[in-house]
Amino acid sequence: MKFPQVQTLKQIAEIIGAKYIGANDFPISGTNEIHRVKSGEIVFVNHPKYYEKALNSEATVMGKTARFILL
C-alpha cells in the first residue's frame, strides 16, 4: 500500500510507538505484505520464521515487531 505522501522513518515510529535505528528523515513510501513489498516500503515481521524472507525481500525497511524498526 502506497502512502498518500511519503512519510519519514521518525513519523512512522512515532505513529506506532516504536524505537528505530536510522536517519530521522529516511523516506518510506508505503507498507505491504512480505510477498508484495517493494523498494521504498516497510514490512513488519512478527515471527522468526519470516525474518530471512523479509531480509531478502525488496523492502527498504523492516519492522521486527510493531515496536522496533530497522533499516
N, C-alpha and C. Protein backbone atom coordinates (compact mmCIF):
# COMPACT_ATOMS: atom_id res chain seq x y z
N MET A 1 0.84 -1.16 0.00
CA MET A 1 0.00 0.00 0.00
C MET A 1 0.90 1.23 0.00
N LYS A 2 0.75 2.05 -0.98
CA LYS A 2 1.48 3.31 -1.04
C LYS A 2 0.78 4.32 -0.15
N PHE A 3 1.57 5.09 0.58
CA PHE A 3 1.01 6.16 1.38
C PHE A 3 0.62 7.32 0.46
N PRO A 4 -0.39 8.12 0.82
CA PRO A 4 -0.76 9.28 0.00
C PRO A 4 0.42 10.23 -0.19
N GLN A 5 1.28 10.32 0.83
CA GLN A 5 2.50 11.09 0.72
C GLN A 5 3.60 10.35 1.47
N VAL A 6 4.82 10.53 1.04
CA VAL A 6 5.95 9.85 1.66
C VAL A 6 6.05 10.27 3.12
N GLN A 7 6.29 9.29 3.99
CA GLN A 7 6.46 9.52 5.42
C GLN A 7 7.94 9.31 5.76
N THR A 8 8.36 9.83 6.88
CA THR A 8 9.74 9.59 7.32
C THR A 8 9.76 8.44 8.32
N LEU A 9 10.93 7.87 8.50
CA LEU A 9 11.10 6.81 9.49
C LEU A 9 10.66 7.30 10.87
N LYS A 10 11.02 8.51 11.21
CA LYS A 10 10.63 9.08 12.51
C LYS A 10 9.11 9.18 12.64
N GLN A 11 8.43 9.62 11.57
CA GLN A 11 6.97 9.75 11.62
C GLN A 11 6.30 8.39 11.83
N ILE A 12 6.76 7.38 11.09
CA ILE A 12 6.18 6.05 11.23
C ILE A 12 6.41 5.52 12.65
N ALA A 13 7.62 5.67 13.16
CA ALA A 13 7.94 5.21 14.51
C ALA A 13 7.06 5.90 15.55
N GLU A 14 6.85 7.20 15.39
CA GLU A 14 6.02 7.93 16.35
C GLU A 14 4.56 7.47 16.28
N ILE A 15 4.06 7.20 15.09
CA ILE A 15 2.67 6.77 14.92
C ILE A 15 2.42 5.44 15.63
N ILE A 16 3.37 4.52 15.50
CA ILE A 16 3.16 3.18 16.08
C ILE A 16 3.84 3.01 17.44
N GLY A 17 4.49 4.06 17.92
CA GLY A 17 5.14 4.00 19.23
C GLY A 17 6.34 3.07 19.25
N ALA A 18 7.15 3.13 18.19
CA ALA A 18 8.29 2.22 18.05
C ALA A 18 9.62 2.94 18.22
N LYS A 19 10.63 2.19 18.61
CA LYS A 19 12.01 2.66 18.58
C LYS A 19 12.53 2.34 17.18
N TYR A 20 13.53 3.09 16.73
CA TYR A 20 14.06 2.82 15.40
C TYR A 20 15.56 3.09 15.34
N ILE A 21 16.17 2.51 14.33
CA ILE A 21 17.58 2.73 14.05
C ILE A 21 17.64 3.29 12.64
N GLY A 22 18.20 4.46 12.49
CA GLY A 22 18.31 5.07 11.17
C GLY A 22 18.10 6.57 11.23
N ALA A 23 18.19 7.19 10.07
CA ALA A 23 18.04 8.64 9.95
C ALA A 23 16.59 9.06 10.18
N ASN A 24 16.39 10.12 10.94
CA ASN A 24 15.04 10.64 11.20
C ASN A 24 14.27 10.91 9.93
N ASP A 25 14.95 11.41 8.91
CA ASP A 25 14.28 11.83 7.69
C ASP A 25 14.29 10.77 6.59
N PHE A 26 14.63 9.52 6.92
CA PHE A 26 14.66 8.45 5.92
C PHE A 26 13.25 8.27 5.35
N PRO A 27 13.09 8.36 4.02
CA PRO A 27 11.75 8.29 3.42
C PRO A 27 11.19 6.88 3.31
N ILE A 28 9.90 6.74 3.61
CA ILE A 28 9.18 5.48 3.46
C ILE A 28 7.93 5.78 2.64
N SER A 29 7.79 5.07 1.52
CA SER A 29 6.70 5.36 0.60
C SER A 29 5.43 4.55 0.84
N GLY A 30 5.53 3.48 1.64
CA GLY A 30 4.35 2.67 1.89
C GLY A 30 4.69 1.45 2.73
N THR A 31 3.73 0.56 2.86
CA THR A 31 3.91 -0.69 3.58
C THR A 31 3.18 -1.79 2.82
N ASN A 32 3.60 -3.01 3.02
CA ASN A 32 2.96 -4.10 2.31
C ASN A 32 3.25 -5.43 2.97
N GLU A 33 2.57 -6.46 2.49
CA GLU A 33 2.80 -7.81 2.96
C GLU A 33 4.16 -8.28 2.46
N ILE A 34 4.72 -9.24 3.15
CA ILE A 34 6.08 -9.70 2.88
C ILE A 34 6.27 -10.16 1.43
N HIS A 35 5.26 -10.74 0.81
CA HIS A 35 5.38 -11.24 -0.56
C HIS A 35 5.00 -10.20 -1.61
N ARG A 36 4.61 -8.99 -1.17
CA ARG A 36 4.23 -7.93 -2.10
C ARG A 36 5.02 -6.64 -1.91
N VAL A 37 5.85 -6.58 -0.89
CA VAL A 37 6.56 -5.35 -0.55
C VAL A 37 7.53 -4.95 -1.66
N LYS A 38 7.64 -3.66 -1.89
CA LYS A 38 8.50 -3.09 -2.93
C LYS A 38 9.56 -2.19 -2.32
N SER A 39 10.55 -1.86 -3.10
CA SER A 39 11.60 -0.95 -2.67
C SER A 39 10.98 0.37 -2.20
N GLY A 40 11.48 0.88 -1.09
CA GLY A 40 10.96 2.12 -0.52
C GLY A 40 9.88 1.91 0.52
N GLU A 41 9.41 0.66 0.66
CA GLU A 41 8.34 0.35 1.60
C GLU A 41 8.88 -0.33 2.85
N ILE A 42 8.05 -0.37 3.87
CA ILE A 42 8.38 -1.05 5.12
C ILE A 42 7.54 -2.32 5.22
N VAL A 43 8.14 -3.36 5.76
CA VAL A 43 7.42 -4.61 6.02
C VAL A 43 7.59 -4.94 7.50
N PHE A 44 6.52 -5.40 8.13
CA PHE A 44 6.57 -5.80 9.53
C PHE A 44 6.56 -7.31 9.64
N VAL A 45 7.42 -7.84 10.48
CA VAL A 45 7.55 -9.29 10.66
C VAL A 45 7.43 -9.58 12.15
N ASN A 46 6.54 -10.50 12.50
CA ASN A 46 6.33 -10.78 13.93
C ASN A 46 6.69 -12.21 14.33
N HIS A 47 7.35 -12.93 13.44
CA HIS A 47 7.74 -14.30 13.79
C HIS A 47 9.10 -14.62 13.16
N PRO A 48 10.00 -15.23 13.92
CA PRO A 48 11.34 -15.52 13.42
C PRO A 48 11.38 -16.29 12.10
N LYS A 49 10.38 -17.12 11.84
CA LYS A 49 10.43 -17.90 10.60
C LYS A 49 10.32 -17.02 9.35
N TYR A 50 9.91 -15.77 9.50
CA TYR A 50 9.79 -14.86 8.36
C TYR A 50 10.93 -13.86 8.24
N TYR A 51 11.85 -13.83 9.20
CA TYR A 51 12.94 -12.86 9.17
C TYR A 51 13.77 -12.96 7.90
N GLU A 52 14.16 -14.16 7.55
CA GLU A 52 15.00 -14.36 6.37
C GLU A 52 14.29 -13.88 5.10
N LYS A 53 13.03 -14.21 4.97
CA LYS A 53 12.26 -13.78 3.80
C LYS A 53 12.17 -12.26 3.74
N ALA A 54 11.97 -11.63 4.88
CA ALA A 54 11.89 -10.17 4.92
C ALA A 54 13.23 -9.54 4.54
N LEU A 55 14.30 -10.10 5.07
CA LEU A 55 15.63 -9.57 4.76
C LEU A 55 16.00 -9.73 3.30
N ASN A 56 15.44 -10.73 2.64
CA ASN A 56 15.72 -10.97 1.22
C ASN A 56 14.65 -10.40 0.30
N SER A 57 13.69 -9.67 0.85
CA SER A 57 12.63 -9.06 0.05
C SER A 57 13.12 -7.73 -0.52
N GLU A 58 12.26 -7.08 -1.29
CA GLU A 58 12.58 -5.76 -1.83
C GLU A 58 12.41 -4.65 -0.80
N ALA A 59 11.89 -4.97 0.37
CA ALA A 59 11.63 -3.96 1.40
C ALA A 59 12.89 -3.16 1.72
N THR A 60 12.72 -1.87 1.86
CA THR A 60 13.82 -0.99 2.23
C THR A 60 13.97 -0.96 3.75
N VAL A 61 12.87 -1.13 4.46
CA VAL A 61 12.85 -1.08 5.91
C VAL A 61 12.08 -2.29 6.44
N MET A 62 12.59 -2.86 7.54
CA MET A 62 11.91 -4.00 8.15
C MET A 62 11.57 -3.67 9.59
N GLY A 63 10.33 -3.87 9.97
CA GLY A 63 9.92 -3.74 11.36
C GLY A 63 9.90 -5.13 11.97
N LYS A 64 10.80 -5.35 12.92
CA LYS A 64 10.86 -6.67 13.57
C LYS A 64 9.56 -6.96 14.30
N THR A 65 9.05 -5.97 14.96
CA THR A 65 7.73 -6.02 15.58
C THR A 65 7.16 -4.62 15.40
N ALA A 66 5.99 -4.39 15.86
CA ALA A 66 5.43 -3.05 15.75
C ALA A 66 6.11 -2.07 16.70
N ARG A 67 7.11 -2.54 17.48
CA ARG A 67 7.78 -1.66 18.43
C ARG A 67 9.23 -1.39 18.09
N PHE A 68 9.73 -2.01 17.04
CA PHE A 68 11.14 -1.82 16.71
C PHE A 68 11.33 -1.87 15.21
N ILE A 69 11.92 -0.84 14.64
CA ILE A 69 12.07 -0.74 13.19
C ILE A 69 13.56 -0.69 12.84
N LEU A 70 13.94 -1.44 11.85
CA LEU A 70 15.33 -1.49 11.38
C LEU A 70 15.43 -1.03 9.94
N LEU A 71 16.52 -0.37 9.63
CA LEU A 71 16.81 -0.03 8.23
C LEU A 71 17.65 -1.13 7.65
